[in-house]
Amino acid sequence: MAMKLPNPKQVIAPVYGKMIGFLPLIGTVFVADQMAKRYVEEDTRLASPTNEVHELEGNLALMRFHNPGMMLNMGRHKQNLVKLLSVSLTIVCVIVFILTFGRKGSKLLQAGLALLLGGAFSNTYDRMARGYVVDYVRFPKAPGKLKQVIFNIADFAIIIGSCMAVISEIGK
C-alpha cells in the first residue's frame, strides 16, 4: 500500500499565514534601526568618536561607533569570520523561526525570534554593506563596565527577543 503524501498547499499555507503576522515586527526593527543609524551617521555633532550628545539628564548618550567586530567588539581583527558567523547565525534563526510555526502555543517564542531576526538582519546588513555595525547608544550612569558598552536598536531587539525565546521554553 502506497503512503499518501499531504498536499503541499495544505501544509505550507497555514504556516505561511501565521508567519506573515510577524513580518511587520521584523521589518519595524530593521527599518527603525537603519533609520537611527543613518541619523547618527549624518549628525555632524557626532562626527568624532569622542563626541557624545547627552539626553535624559545624562542617563543616555548618543554617539557614533563603528564596530567591525561582534558584541563588545570581539573579533574586530577577523572581519570575514565575523561576517560569516553573522550570516550563518541569521540563517539558523530563520530556519528555527519557520519551524516554530508547526508548534502550538509558541507565540512568545515566535515573537522573540521575530525581534531577534529584525535585529540580526539589521546588524548583518551593516556588516555586509558597510564592513562594520553602527552602534550609537550608551548609558553613562549604568553600573560597572556596562556604562562603556555602546548599543543600537538591533542589539536591544536581539537581547529582548532572546530573553523572550528562553522564557517561552522555560515555561513549558
C-alpha atoms as a PDB file:
ATOM      1  CA  MET A   1       0.000   0.000   0.000  1.00  0.00           C
ATOM      2  CA  ALA A   2       1.441   3.345  -1.047  1.00  0.00           C
ATOM      3  CA  MET A   3       1.707   6.113   1.511  1.00  0.00           C
ATOM      4  CA  LYS A   4      -0.318   9.186   0.596  1.00  0.00           C
ATOM      5  CA  LEU A   5       1.595  12.453   0.988  1.00  0.00           C
ATOM      6  CA  PRO A   6      -0.250  15.606   2.068  1.00  0.00           C
ATOM      7  CA  ASN A   7      -0.908  18.332  -0.433  1.00  0.00           C
ATOM      8  CA  PRO A   8       1.940  20.890  -0.056  1.00  0.00           C
ATOM      9  CA  LYS A   9      -0.562  23.769  -0.197  1.00  0.00           C
ATOM     10  CA  GLN A  10      -2.395  22.352   2.823  1.00  0.00           C
ATOM     11  CA  VAL A  11       0.864  22.179   4.782  1.00  0.00           C
ATOM     12  CA  ILE A  12       2.520  25.435   3.684  1.00  0.00           C
ATOM     13  CA  ALA A  13      -0.475  27.800   3.571  1.00  0.00           C
ATOM     14  CA  PRO A  14      -1.300  27.721   7.319  1.00  0.00           C
ATOM     15  CA  VAL A  15       2.365  28.141   8.268  1.00  0.00           C
ATOM     16  CA  TYR A  16       2.834  30.961   5.770  1.00  0.00           C
ATOM     17  CA  GLY A  17      -0.291  32.716   7.031  1.00  0.00           C
ATOM     18  CA  LYS A  18       0.903  32.600  10.648  1.00  0.00           C
ATOM     19  CA  MET A  19       4.385  33.756   9.679  1.00  0.00           C
ATOM     20  CA  ILE A  20       3.080  36.797   7.792  1.00  0.00           C
ATOM     21  CA  GLY A  21       1.759  38.202  11.071  1.00  0.00           C
ATOM     22  CA  PHE A  22       5.302  38.534  12.437  1.00  0.00           C
ATOM     23  CA  LEU A  23       6.874  40.122   9.348  1.00  0.00           C
ATOM     24  CA  PRO A  24       5.828  43.674  10.350  1.00  0.00           C
ATOM     25  CA  LEU A  25       7.676  43.261  13.660  1.00  0.00           C
ATOM     26  CA  ILE A  26      10.825  42.077  11.873  1.00  0.00           C
ATOM     27  CA  GLY A  27      10.533  44.927   9.378  1.00  0.00           C
ATOM     28  CA  THR A  28       9.882  47.562  12.046  1.00  0.00           C
ATOM     29  CA  VAL A  29      13.022  46.617  13.979  1.00  0.00           C
ATOM     30  CA  PHE A  30      15.099  46.614  10.784  1.00  0.00           C
ATOM     31  CA  VAL A  31      13.776  49.943   9.484  1.00  0.00           C
ATOM     32  CA  ALA A  32      13.900  51.726  12.867  1.00  0.00           C
ATOM     33  CA  ASP A  33      17.498  50.642  13.429  1.00  0.00           C
ATOM     34  CA  GLN A  34      18.591  51.562   9.909  1.00  0.00           C
ATOM     35  CA  MET A  35      16.924  54.986  10.218  1.00  0.00           C
ATOM     36  CA  ALA A  36      18.643  55.613  13.560  1.00  0.00           C
ATOM     37  CA  LYS A  37      21.981  54.536  12.090  1.00  0.00           C
ATOM     38  CA  ARG A  38      21.520  56.878   9.156  1.00  0.00           C
ATOM     39  CA  TYR A  39      20.680  59.744  11.517  1.00  0.00           C
ATOM     40  CA  VAL A  40      23.780  59.052  13.614  1.00  0.00           C
ATOM     41  CA  GLU A  41      26.000  58.780  10.540  1.00  0.00           C
ATOM     42  CA  GLU A  42      24.751  62.140   9.222  1.00  0.00           C
ATOM     43  CA  ASP A  43      24.668  64.067  12.530  1.00  0.00           C
ATOM     44  CA  THR A  44      27.664  66.425  12.478  1.00  0.00           C
ATOM     45  CA  ARG A  45      27.616  66.712  16.291  1.00  0.00           C
ATOM     46  CA  LEU A  46      28.679  63.059  16.387  1.00  0.00           C
ATOM     47  CA  ALA A  47      31.427  63.390  13.754  1.00  0.00           C
ATOM     48  CA  SER A  48      34.178  62.327  16.144  1.00  0.00           C
ATOM     49  CA  PRO A  49      34.099  59.020  18.051  1.00  0.00           C
ATOM     50  CA  THR A  50      34.716  61.019  21.246  1.00  0.00           C
ATOM     51  CA  ASN A  51      31.712  63.307  20.696  1.00  0.00           C
ATOM     52  CA  GLU A  52      28.566  62.494  22.627  1.00  0.00           C
ATOM     53  CA  VAL A  53      25.179  64.142  22.895  1.00  0.00           C
ATOM     54  CA  HIS A  54      23.708  63.563  26.353  1.00  0.00           C
ATOM     55  CA  GLU A  55      19.963  63.176  26.812  1.00  0.00           C
ATOM     56  CA  LEU A  56      17.590  62.350  29.664  1.00  0.00           C
ATOM     57  CA  GLU A  57      19.655  64.145  32.325  1.00  0.00           C
ATOM     58  CA  GLY A  58      22.831  62.343  31.330  1.00  0.00           C
ATOM     59  CA  ASN A  59      21.324  58.848  31.554  1.00  0.00           C
ATOM     60  CA  LEU A  60      21.557  58.325  27.804  1.00  0.00           C
ATOM     61  CA  ALA A  61      24.354  59.312  25.436  1.00  0.00           C
ATOM     62  CA  LEU A  62      24.145  59.298  21.661  1.00  0.00           C
ATOM     63  CA  MET A  63      27.414  58.753  19.867  1.00  0.00           C
ATOM     64  CA  ARG A  64      28.793  57.133  16.730  1.00  0.00           C
ATOM     65  CA  PHE A  65      30.859  53.974  16.979  1.00  0.00           C
ATOM     66  CA  HIS A  66      31.813  51.805  14.015  1.00  0.00           C
ATOM     67  CA  ASN A  67      32.103  48.262  15.361  1.00  0.00           C
ATOM     68  CA  PRO A  68      33.953  45.971  12.922  1.00  0.00           C
ATOM     69  CA  GLY A  69      33.539  43.033  15.311  1.00  0.00           C
ATOM     70  CA  MET A  70      30.685  41.379  17.129  1.00  0.00           C
ATOM     71  CA  MET A  71      29.236  42.089  20.549  1.00  0.00           C
ATOM     72  CA  LEU A  72      31.691  44.087  22.669  1.00  0.00           C
ATOM     73  CA  ASN A  73      33.864  44.471  19.541  1.00  0.00           C
ATOM     74  CA  MET A  74      35.054  40.845  19.751  1.00  0.00           C
ATOM     75  CA  GLY A  75      36.593  39.620  16.510  1.00  0.00           C
ATOM     76  CA  ARG A  76      37.324  43.119  15.219  1.00  0.00           C
ATOM     77  CA  HIS A  77      40.523  41.847  13.575  1.00  0.00           C
ATOM     78  CA  LYS A  78      38.719  38.928  11.885  1.00  0.00           C
ATOM     79  CA  GLN A  79      36.003  40.718   9.942  1.00  0.00           C
ATOM     80  CA  ASN A  80      35.493  37.967   7.353  1.00  0.00           C
ATOM     81  CA  LEU A  81      34.905  35.412  10.111  1.00  0.00           C
ATOM     82  CA  VAL A  82      32.501  37.830  11.838  1.00  0.00           C
ATOM     83  CA  LYS A  83      30.561  38.281   8.577  1.00  0.00           C
ATOM     84  CA  LEU A  84      30.391  34.511   8.034  1.00  0.00           C
ATOM     85  CA  LEU A  85      29.190  33.922  11.602  1.00  0.00           C
ATOM     86  CA  SER A  86      26.625  36.718  11.309  1.00  0.00           C
ATOM     87  CA  VAL A  87      25.141  35.367   8.081  1.00  0.00           C
ATOM     88  CA  SER A  88      25.243  31.751   9.327  1.00  0.00           C
ATOM     89  CA  LEU A  89      23.563  32.508  12.660  1.00  0.00           C
ATOM     90  CA  THR A  90      20.927  34.623  10.933  1.00  0.00           C
ATOM     91  CA  ILE A  91      20.119  31.732   8.580  1.00  0.00           C
ATOM     92  CA  VAL A  92      19.867  29.334  11.538  1.00  0.00           C
ATOM     93  CA  CYS A  93      17.474  31.762  13.278  1.00  0.00           C
ATOM     94  CA  VAL A  94      15.326  31.987  10.133  1.00  0.00           C
ATOM     95  CA  ILE A  95      15.093  28.191   9.981  1.00  0.00           C
ATOM     96  CA  VAL A  96      14.226  27.909  13.679  1.00  0.00           C
ATOM     97  CA  PHE A  97      11.662  30.715  13.266  1.00  0.00           C
ATOM     98  CA  ILE A  98       9.971  28.897  10.375  1.00  0.00           C
ATOM     99  CA  LEU A  99       9.994  25.564  12.206  1.00  0.00           C
ATOM    100  CA  THR A 100       8.223  27.058  15.250  1.00  0.00           C
ATOM    101  CA  PHE A 101       5.072  27.625  13.227  1.00  0.00           C
ATOM    102  CA  GLY A 102       4.301  23.936  13.288  1.00  0.00           C
ATOM    103  CA  ARG A 103       4.116  24.031  17.098  1.00  0.00           C
ATOM    104  CA  LYS A 104       1.113  25.029  19.153  1.00  0.00           C
ATOM    105  CA  GLY A 105       1.431  27.589  21.931  1.00  0.00           C
ATOM    106  CA  SER A 106       4.651  29.152  20.696  1.00  0.00           C
ATOM    107  CA  LYS A 107       3.551  32.776  20.170  1.00  0.00           C
ATOM    108  CA  LEU A 108       6.039  34.135  22.745  1.00  0.00           C
ATOM    109  CA  LEU A 109       8.837  32.140  21.105  1.00  0.00           C
ATOM    110  CA  GLN A 110       7.804  33.361  17.656  1.00  0.00           C
ATOM    111  CA  ALA A 111       7.596  36.999  18.788  1.00  0.00           C
ATOM    112  CA  GLY A 112      11.006  36.680  20.446  1.00  0.00           C
ATOM    113  CA  LEU A 113      12.504  35.168  17.310  1.00  0.00           C
ATOM    114  CA  ALA A 114      10.897  37.911  15.193  1.00  0.00           C
ATOM    115  CA  LEU A 115      12.592  40.590  17.338  1.00  0.00           C
ATOM    116  CA  LEU A 116      15.848  38.663  17.191  1.00  0.00           C
ATOM    117  CA  LEU A 117      15.607  38.357  13.400  1.00  0.00           C
ATOM    118  CA  GLY A 118      14.856  42.051  12.903  1.00  0.00           C
ATOM    119  CA  GLY A 119      18.000  42.889  14.861  1.00  0.00           C
ATOM    120  CA  ALA A 120      20.071  40.188  13.195  1.00  0.00           C
ATOM    121  CA  PHE A 121      19.018  41.327   9.712  1.00  0.00           C
ATOM    122  CA  SER A 122      19.931  44.940  10.501  1.00  0.00           C
ATOM    123  CA  ASN A 123      23.344  44.209  12.003  1.00  0.00           C
ATOM    124  CA  THR A 124      24.169  41.628   9.322  1.00  0.00           C
ATOM    125  CA  TYR A 125      23.158  44.116   6.634  1.00  0.00           C
ATOM    126  CA  ASP A 126      25.553  46.656   8.188  1.00  0.00           C
ATOM    127  CA  ARG A 127      28.404  44.149   8.268  1.00  0.00           C
ATOM    128  CA  MET A 128      27.904  43.218   4.633  1.00  0.00           C
ATOM    129  CA  ALA A 129      27.194  46.724   3.252  1.00  0.00           C
ATOM    130  CA  ARG A 130      29.497  48.872   5.416  1.00  0.00           C
ATOM    131  CA  GLY A 131      32.045  46.440   6.826  1.00  0.00           C
ATOM    132  CA  TYR A 132      31.044  47.423  10.373  1.00  0.00           C
ATOM    133  CA  VAL A 133      27.968  47.828  12.566  1.00  0.00           C
ATOM    134  CA  VAL A 134      26.953  51.337  13.599  1.00  0.00           C
ATOM    135  CA  ASP A 135      26.388  51.496  17.363  1.00  0.00           C
ATOM    136  CA  TYR A 136      25.058  54.700  18.893  1.00  0.00           C
ATOM    137  CA  VAL A 137      23.502  54.423  22.382  1.00  0.00           C
ATOM    138  CA  ARG A 138      25.409  54.370  25.651  1.00  0.00           C
ATOM    139  CA  PHE A 139      24.223  54.584  29.257  1.00  0.00           C
ATOM    140  CA  PRO A 140      26.839  56.711  31.078  1.00  0.00           C
ATOM    141  CA  LYS A 141      25.267  56.196  34.516  1.00  0.00           C
ATOM    142  CA  ALA A 142      24.928  52.415  34.220  1.00  0.00           C
ATOM    143  CA  PRO A 143      26.758  50.302  36.789  1.00  0.00           C
ATOM    144  CA  GLY A 144      30.276  48.988  36.221  1.00  0.00           C
ATOM    145  CA  LYS A 145      31.529  48.266  32.732  1.00  0.00           C
ATOM    146  CA  LEU A 146      28.002  48.403  31.326  1.00  0.00           C
ATOM    147  CA  LYS A 147      28.434  52.182  31.063  1.00  0.00           C
ATOM    148  CA  GLN A 148      31.146  51.601  28.422  1.00  0.00           C
ATOM    149  CA  VAL A 149      29.045  49.372  26.146  1.00  0.00           C
ATOM    150  CA  ILE A 150      27.561  51.033  23.063  1.00  0.00           C
ATOM    151  CA  PHE A 151      24.328  49.591  21.659  1.00  0.00           C
ATOM    152  CA  ASN A 152      21.892  50.091  18.802  1.00  0.00           C
ATOM    153  CA  ILE A 153      18.183  49.273  18.398  1.00  0.00           C
ATOM    154  CA  ALA A 154      19.080  45.955  16.739  1.00  0.00           C
ATOM    155  CA  ASP A 155      21.091  44.945  19.805  1.00  0.00           C
ATOM    156  CA  PHE A 156      18.155  45.692  22.107  1.00  0.00           C
ATOM    157  CA  ALA A 157      15.837  43.672  19.852  1.00  0.00           C
ATOM    158  CA  ILE A 158      18.280  40.743  19.849  1.00  0.00           C
ATOM    159  CA  ILE A 159      18.620  40.831  23.643  1.00  0.00           C
ATOM    160  CA  ILE A 160      14.880  41.178  24.316  1.00  0.00           C
ATOM    161  CA  GLY A 161      13.977  38.602  21.649  1.00  0.00           C
ATOM    162  CA  SER A 162      16.488  36.097  23.043  1.00  0.00           C
ATOM    163  CA  CYS A 163      15.099  36.557  26.557  1.00  0.00           C
ATOM    164  CA  MET A 164      11.542  36.041  25.269  1.00  0.00           C
ATOM    165  CA  ALA A 165      12.580  32.857  23.457  1.00  0.00           C
ATOM    166  CA  VAL A 166      14.299  31.477  26.560  1.00  0.00           C
ATOM    167  CA  ILE A 167      11.328  32.373  28.804  1.00  0.00           C
ATOM    168  CA  SER A 168       8.925  30.683  26.371  1.00  0.00           C
ATOM    169  CA  GLU A 169      10.911  27.470  26.524  1.00  0.00           C
ATOM    170  CA  ILE A 170      11.410  27.543  30.326  1.00  0.00           C
ATOM    171  CA  GLY A 171       7.664  27.919  30.821  1.00  0.00           C
ATOM    172  CA  LYS A 172       6.944  24.575  29.150  1.00  0.00           C
END
